[in-house]
């Protein structure tokens, strides 16, 4: 673990814990998550990624060679495939929150990627619990969590390299921490919205 990853982890640990409380983490890991809760989880994640993902992908193009194409994100597509299983259920989430970074430079997007790529790593653990959950046996695939054709370890390794201490100033590190904190806050706000 790089020093900057350690700083990001320590600075956002409490937000990560809060997110687990509002995003069915206990139910997932204890294999008690039911189909309605899983559907709600997908809807909220779609709400998050629908706002965040286009901004991330635009930033990757704008910043150019500093960010490898490796980080391009298409999780909305995975979520749409998962939500198609529930096509008869149309849930609406009234999202009044916008994802807006104060800084939109490389350091800020590294902070956002820390949260998103950490989430991808967590997906490896989550998908095993979902597949072994007796309440979700009728669900054929878990696209969002399974992440087929994605080399998660290569992505995480590339992010760690970009977050190495010698390439970022103290100001950049603080910008990355602020962006990671903002991203966790955004996830938390969306997961606390009631579905109508």
C-alpha atoms as a PDB file:
ATOM      1  CA  UNK A   1       0.000   0.000   0.000  1.00  0.00           C
ATOM      2  CA  UNK A   2       1.381   3.399  -0.939  1.00  0.00           C
ATOM      3  CA  UNK A   3       1.563   6.214   1.599  1.00  0.00           C
ATOM      4  CA  UNK A   4      -1.136   8.175  -0.235  1.00  0.00           C
ATOM      5  CA  UNK A   5      -3.480   5.163  -0.325  1.00  0.00           C
ATOM      6  CA  UNK A   6      -2.963   4.914   3.446  1.00  0.00           C
ATOM      7  CA  UNK A   7      -3.827   8.602   3.867  1.00  0.00           C
ATOM      8  CA  UNK A   8      -6.957   8.210   1.733  1.00  0.00           C
ATOM      9  CA  UNK A   9      -7.995   5.084   3.626  1.00  0.00           C
ATOM     10  CA  UNK A  10      -7.521   6.685   7.050  1.00  0.00           C
ATOM     11  CA  UNK A  11      -9.220   9.926   6.005  1.00  0.00           C
ATOM     12  CA  UNK A  12     -12.324   8.177   4.668  1.00  0.00           C
ATOM     13  CA  UNK A  13     -12.590   5.151   6.992  1.00  0.00           C
ATOM     14  CA  UNK A  14     -15.539   6.594   8.937  1.00  0.00           C
ATOM     15  CA  UNK A  15     -17.380   7.432   5.697  1.00  0.00           C
ATOM     16  CA  UNK A  16     -16.810   3.902   4.398  1.00  0.00           C
ATOM     17  CA  UNK A  17     -18.283   2.529   7.640  1.00  0.00           C
ATOM     18  CA  UNK A  18     -21.295   4.841   7.348  1.00  0.00           C
ATOM     19  CA  UNK A  19     -21.854   3.721   3.765  1.00  0.00           C
ATOM     20  CA  UNK A  20     -21.839   0.061   4.780  1.00  0.00           C
ATOM     21  CA  UNK A  21     -24.613   0.802   7.297  1.00  0.00           C
ATOM     22  CA  UNK A  22     -26.941   2.308   4.668  1.00  0.00           C
ATOM     23  CA  UNK A  23     -26.145   0.044   1.702  1.00  0.00           C
ATOM     24  CA  UNK A  24     -27.192  -3.380   3.031  1.00  0.00           C
ATOM     25  CA  UNK A  25     -23.596  -4.527   3.732  1.00  0.00           C
ATOM     26  CA  UNK A  26     -24.680  -6.681   6.690  1.00  0.00           C
ATOM     27  CA  UNK A  27     -27.549  -8.248   4.754  1.00  0.00           C
ATOM     28  CA  UNK A  28     -25.268  -8.963   1.790  1.00  0.00           C
ATOM     29  CA  UNK A  29     -22.495 -10.601   3.770  1.00  0.00           C
ATOM     30  CA  UNK A  30     -24.893 -12.605   5.988  1.00  0.00           C
ATOM     31  CA  UNK A  31     -26.708 -13.772   2.823  1.00  0.00           C
ATOM     32  CA  UNK A  32     -29.995 -12.319   4.105  1.00  0.00           C
ATOM     33  CA  UNK A  33     -30.452  -9.728   1.347  1.00  0.00           C
ATOM     34  CA  UNK A  34     -33.821 -10.269  -0.340  1.00  0.00           C
ATOM     35  CA  UNK A  35     -34.739  -9.541  -3.963  1.00  0.00           C
ATOM     36  CA  UNK A  36     -36.493  -6.251  -3.113  1.00  0.00           C
ATOM     37  CA  UNK A  37     -33.420  -4.993  -1.229  1.00  0.00           C
ATOM     38  CA  UNK A  38     -31.148  -6.115  -4.071  1.00  0.00           C
ATOM     39  CA  UNK A  39     -33.347  -4.238  -6.545  1.00  0.00           C
ATOM     40  CA  UNK A  40     -33.183  -1.124  -4.348  1.00  0.00           C
ATOM     41  CA  UNK A  41     -29.400  -1.439  -4.198  1.00  0.00           C
ATOM     42  CA  UNK A  42     -29.195  -1.631  -7.997  1.00  0.00           C
ATOM     43  CA  UNK A  43     -31.504   1.388  -8.407  1.00  0.00           C
ATOM     44  CA  UNK A  44     -29.430   3.499  -6.041  1.00  0.00           C
ATOM     45  CA  UNK A  45     -26.155   2.471  -7.646  1.00  0.00           C
ATOM     46  CA  UNK A  46     -27.604   3.304 -11.051  1.00  0.00           C
ATOM     47  CA  UNK A  47     -28.624   6.712  -9.705  1.00  0.00           C
ATOM     48  CA  UNK A  48     -25.027   7.253  -8.491  1.00  0.00           C
ATOM     49  CA  UNK A  49     -23.216   6.073 -11.601  1.00  0.00           C
ATOM     50  CA  UNK A  50     -25.621   7.790 -14.007  1.00  0.00           C
ATOM     51  CA  UNK A  51     -24.418  11.156 -12.614  1.00  0.00           C
ATOM     52  CA  UNK A  52     -20.825  10.317 -11.785  1.00  0.00           C
ATOM     53  CA  UNK A  53     -19.687   8.079 -14.641  1.00  0.00           C
ATOM     54  CA  UNK A  54     -20.092  10.564 -17.553  1.00  0.00           C
ATOM     55  CA  UNK A  55     -18.088  13.155 -15.597  1.00  0.00           C
ATOM     56  CA  UNK A  56     -15.342  10.623 -14.910  1.00  0.00           C
ATOM     57  CA  UNK A  57     -15.152   9.464 -18.512  1.00  0.00           C
ATOM     58  CA  UNK A  58     -15.103  13.074 -19.782  1.00  0.00           C
ATOM     59  CA  UNK A  59     -12.255  13.832 -17.369  1.00  0.00           C
ATOM     60  CA  UNK A  60     -10.298  10.811 -18.632  1.00  0.00           C
ATOM     61  CA  UNK A  61     -10.558  12.149 -22.175  1.00  0.00           C
ATOM     62  CA  UNK A  62      -9.817  15.730 -21.164  1.00  0.00           C
ATOM     63  CA  UNK A  63      -6.800  14.919 -18.991  1.00  0.00           C
ATOM     64  CA  UNK A  64      -5.536  12.520 -21.629  1.00  0.00           C
ATOM     65  CA  UNK A  65      -2.358  10.502 -21.309  1.00  0.00           C
ATOM     66  CA  UNK A  66      -2.026  11.028 -17.558  1.00  0.00           C
ATOM     67  CA  UNK A  67      -4.956   8.655 -17.073  1.00  0.00           C
ATOM     68  CA  UNK A  68      -4.693   5.284 -18.762  1.00  0.00           C
ATOM     69  CA  UNK A  69      -7.747   4.217 -20.764  1.00  0.00           C
ATOM     70  CA  UNK A  70      -7.792   1.411 -18.201  1.00  0.00           C
ATOM     71  CA  UNK A  71      -9.972   3.570 -15.926  1.00  0.00           C
ATOM     72  CA  UNK A  72     -12.769   4.152 -18.429  1.00  0.00           C
ATOM     73  CA  UNK A  73     -16.001   3.144 -16.702  1.00  0.00           C
ATOM     74  CA  UNK A  74     -19.107   1.437 -18.093  1.00  0.00           C
ATOM     75  CA  UNK A  75     -20.820   0.369 -14.894  1.00  0.00           C
ATOM     76  CA  UNK A  76     -24.118   1.970 -15.939  1.00  0.00           C
ATOM     77  CA  UNK A  77     -24.357  -0.649 -18.675  1.00  0.00           C
ATOM     78  CA  UNK A  78     -23.840  -3.435 -16.114  1.00  0.00           C
ATOM     79  CA  UNK A  79     -26.491  -1.910 -13.876  1.00  0.00           C
ATOM     80  CA  UNK A  80     -28.967  -1.645 -16.774  1.00  0.00           C
ATOM     81  CA  UNK A  81     -28.482  -5.347 -17.521  1.00  0.00           C
ATOM     82  CA  UNK A  82     -29.102  -6.217 -13.864  1.00  0.00           C
ATOM     83  CA  UNK A  83     -32.146  -3.948 -13.684  1.00  0.00           C
ATOM     84  CA  UNK A  84     -33.626  -5.604 -16.787  1.00  0.00           C
ATOM     85  CA  UNK A  85     -34.273  -8.653 -14.630  1.00  0.00           C
ATOM     86  CA  UNK A  86     -36.671  -6.460 -12.632  1.00  0.00           C
ATOM     87  CA  UNK A  87     -38.252  -4.865 -15.724  1.00  0.00           C
ATOM     88  CA  UNK A  88     -41.755  -5.237 -14.313  1.00  0.00           C
ATOM     89  CA  UNK A  89     -40.752  -3.085 -11.318  1.00  0.00           C
ATOM     90  CA  UNK A  90     -40.137   0.560 -12.112  1.00  0.00           C
ATOM     91  CA  UNK A  91     -38.758   2.346  -9.082  1.00  0.00           C
ATOM     92  CA  UNK A  92     -38.179   6.076  -9.071  1.00  0.00           C
ATOM     93  CA  UNK A  93     -35.517   7.744  -6.997  1.00  0.00           C
ATOM     94  CA  UNK A  94     -35.874  11.468  -6.523  1.00  0.00           C
ATOM     95  CA  UNK A  95     -32.234  12.502  -6.571  1.00  0.00           C
ATOM     96  CA  UNK A  96     -31.817  16.146  -5.655  1.00  0.00           C
ATOM     97  CA  UNK A  97     -28.062  15.717  -5.208  1.00  0.00           C
ATOM     98  CA  UNK A  98     -25.526  16.599  -7.865  1.00  0.00           C
ATOM     99  CA  UNK A  99     -22.027  15.193  -8.045  1.00  0.00           C
ATOM    100  CA  UNK A 100     -19.847  18.282  -8.336  1.00  0.00           C
ATOM    101  CA  UNK A 101     -16.174  18.436  -7.461  1.00  0.00           C
ATOM    102  CA  UNK A 102     -14.655  21.687  -6.223  1.00  0.00           C
ATOM    103  CA  UNK A 103     -11.438  20.882  -8.079  1.00  0.00           C
ATOM    104  CA  UNK A 104     -11.533  19.057 -11.407  1.00  0.00           C
ATOM    105  CA  UNK A 105      -7.855  18.312 -11.841  1.00  0.00           C
ATOM    106  CA  UNK A 106      -5.914  15.052 -11.932  1.00  0.00           C
ATOM    107  CA  UNK A 107      -5.495  14.890  -8.149  1.00  0.00           C
ATOM    108  CA  UNK A 108      -9.251  15.245  -7.606  1.00  0.00           C
ATOM    109  CA  UNK A 109     -10.082  12.496 -10.087  1.00  0.00           C
ATOM    110  CA  UNK A 110      -7.496  10.264  -8.402  1.00  0.00           C
ATOM    111  CA  UNK A 111      -9.478  10.719  -5.171  1.00  0.00           C
ATOM    112  CA  UNK A 112     -12.692   9.763  -6.964  1.00  0.00           C
ATOM    113  CA  UNK A 113     -10.997   6.741  -8.552  1.00  0.00           C
ATOM    114  CA  UNK A 114      -9.768   5.631  -5.123  1.00  0.00           C
ATOM    115  CA  UNK A 115     -13.417   5.251  -4.062  1.00  0.00           C
ATOM    116  CA  UNK A 116     -14.643   3.731  -7.339  1.00  0.00           C
ATOM    117  CA  UNK A 117     -11.800   1.264  -7.748  1.00  0.00           C
ATOM    118  CA  UNK A 118     -12.064   0.298  -4.066  1.00  0.00           C
ATOM    119  CA  UNK A 119     -15.725  -0.388  -4.752  1.00  0.00           C
ATOM    120  CA  UNK A 120     -14.732  -2.633  -7.653  1.00  0.00           C
ATOM    121  CA  UNK A 121     -12.438  -4.590  -5.325  1.00  0.00           C
ATOM    122  CA  UNK A 122     -15.309  -4.966  -2.860  1.00  0.00           C
ATOM    123  CA  UNK A 123     -17.496  -6.247  -5.681  1.00  0.00           C
ATOM    124  CA  UNK A 124     -15.320  -9.388  -5.858  1.00  0.00           C
ATOM    125  CA  UNK A 125     -16.311 -10.257  -2.295  1.00  0.00           C
ATOM    126  CA  UNK A 126     -19.926  -9.139  -2.662  1.00  0.00           C
ATOM    127  CA  UNK A 127     -20.643 -11.221  -5.771  1.00  0.00           C
ATOM    128  CA  UNK A 128     -19.638 -14.420  -3.938  1.00  0.00           C
ATOM    129  CA  UNK A 129     -22.115 -13.639  -1.155  1.00  0.00           C
ATOM    130  CA  UNK A 130     -24.863 -12.799  -3.685  1.00  0.00           C
ATOM    131  CA  UNK A 131     -24.340 -16.048  -5.593  1.00  0.00           C
ATOM    132  CA  UNK A 132     -24.596 -18.042  -2.357  1.00  0.00           C
ATOM    133  CA  UNK A 133     -27.660 -16.184  -1.076  1.00  0.00           C
ATOM    134  CA  UNK A 134     -30.695 -18.512  -1.082  1.00  0.00           C
ATOM    135  CA  UNK A 135     -33.039 -15.484  -1.458  1.00  0.00           C
ATOM    136  CA  UNK A 136     -31.432 -14.559  -4.808  1.00  0.00           C
ATOM    137  CA  UNK A 137     -31.243 -17.988  -6.456  1.00  0.00           C
ATOM    138  CA  UNK A 138     -33.656 -16.936  -9.217  1.00  0.00           C
ATOM    139  CA  UNK A 139     -31.339 -14.109 -10.364  1.00  0.00           C
ATOM    140  CA  UNK A 140     -29.213 -15.455 -13.229  1.00  0.00           C
ATOM    141  CA  UNK A 141     -26.346 -12.915 -13.279  1.00  0.00           C
ATOM    142  CA  UNK A 142     -24.864 -10.176 -11.126  1.00  0.00           C
ATOM    143  CA  UNK A 143     -23.251  -8.020 -13.832  1.00  0.00           C
ATOM    144  CA  UNK A 144     -22.524  -4.950 -11.694  1.00  0.00           C
ATOM    145  CA  UNK A 145     -20.696  -6.893  -9.000  1.00  0.00           C
ATOM    146  CA  UNK A 146     -19.215  -9.619 -11.189  1.00  0.00           C
ATOM    147  CA  UNK A 147     -17.592  -7.153 -13.627  1.00  0.00           C
ATOM    148  CA  UNK A 148     -16.849  -9.587 -16.432  1.00  0.00           C
ATOM    149  CA  UNK A 149     -13.907  -8.731 -18.687  1.00  0.00           C
ATOM    150  CA  UNK A 150     -12.452  -6.278 -16.136  1.00  0.00           C
ATOM    151  CA  UNK A 151      -8.945  -6.830 -14.771  1.00  0.00           C
ATOM    152  CA  UNK A 152      -9.568  -5.357 -11.341  1.00  0.00           C
ATOM    153  CA  UNK A 153      -6.088  -6.063  -9.962  1.00  0.00           C
ATOM    154  CA  UNK A 154      -4.428  -4.274 -12.922  1.00  0.00           C
ATOM    155  CA  UNK A 155      -6.665  -1.267 -12.379  1.00  0.00           C
ATOM    156  CA  UNK A 156      -5.905  -1.162  -8.657  1.00  0.00           C
ATOM    157  CA  UNK A 157      -2.162  -1.557  -9.297  1.00  0.00           C
ATOM    158  CA  UNK A 158      -2.213   1.283 -11.848  1.00  0.00           C
ATOM    159  CA  UNK A 159      -4.083   3.512  -9.406  1.00  0.00           C
ATOM    160  CA  UNK A 160      -1.587   2.752  -6.637  1.00  0.00           C
ATOM    161  CA  UNK A 161       1.238   3.697  -8.988  1.00  0.00           C
ATOM    162  CA  UNK A 162      -0.458   6.990  -9.856  1.00  0.00           C
ATOM    163  CA  UNK A 163      -0.996   7.683  -6.156  1.00  0.00           C
ATOM    164  CA  UNK A 164       2.638   7.145  -5.235  1.00  0.00           C
ATOM    165  CA  UNK A 165       4.031   9.716  -2.801  1.00  0.00           C
ATOM    166  CA  UNK A 166       6.770  10.975  -5.142  1.00  0.00           C
ATOM    167  CA  UNK A 167       4.374  12.107  -7.876  1.00  0.00           C
ATOM    168  CA  UNK A 168       1.938  14.137  -5.767  1.00  0.00           C
ATOM    169  CA  UNK A 169       2.511  17.313  -3.783  1.00  0.00           C
ATOM    170  CA  UNK A 170       0.996  17.763  -0.320  1.00  0.00           C
ATOM    171  CA  UNK A 171      -1.609  20.055  -1.908  1.00  0.00           C
ATOM    172  CA  UNK A 172      -2.472  17.353  -4.484  1.00  0.00           C
ATOM    173  CA  UNK A 173      -2.847  14.772  -1.721  1.00  0.00           C
ATOM    174  CA  UNK A 174      -5.280  17.056   0.129  1.00  0.00           C
ATOM    175  CA  UNK A 175      -7.254  17.617  -3.088  1.00  0.00           C
ATOM    176  CA  UNK A 176      -7.449  13.823  -3.582  1.00  0.00           C
ATOM    177  CA  UNK A 177      -8.630  13.359   0.030  1.00  0.00           C
ATOM    178  CA  UNK A 178     -11.287  16.072  -0.416  1.00  0.00           C
ATOM    179  CA  UNK A 179     -12.530  14.453  -3.645  1.00  0.00           C
ATOM    180  CA  UNK A 180     -12.623  10.971  -2.068  1.00  0.00           C
ATOM    181  CA  UNK A 181     -14.544  12.399   0.898  1.00  0.00           C
ATOM    182  CA  UNK A 182     -16.982  14.133  -1.463  1.00  0.00           C
ATOM    183  CA  UNK A 183     -17.482  10.890  -3.390  1.00  0.00           C
ATOM    184  CA  UNK A 184     -18.211   8.885  -0.239  1.00  0.00           C
ATOM    185  CA  UNK A 185     -20.598  11.640   0.914  1.00  0.00           C
ATOM    186  CA  UNK A 186     -22.405  11.433  -2.420  1.00  0.00           C
ATOM    187  CA  UNK A 187     -22.734   7.629  -2.163  1.00  0.00           C
ATOM    188  CA  UNK A 188     -24.041   7.989   1.399  1.00  0.00           C
ATOM    189  CA  UNK A 189     -26.640  10.619   0.450  1.00  0.00           C
ATOM    190  CA  UNK A 190     -28.011   8.519  -2.410  1.00  0.00           C
ATOM    191  CA  UNK A 191     -28.183   5.355  -0.304  1.00  0.00           C
ATOM    192  CA  UNK A 192     -30.240   7.218   2.298  1.00  0.00           C
ATOM    193  CA  UNK A 193     -32.920   8.280  -0.211  1.00  0.00           C
ATOM    194  CA  UNK A 194     -36.226   6.450   0.101  1.00  0.00           C
ATOM    195  CA  UNK A 195     -37.452   4.731  -3.031  1.00  0.00           C
ATOM    196  CA  UNK A 196     -40.966   5.679  -4.151  1.00  0.00           C
END
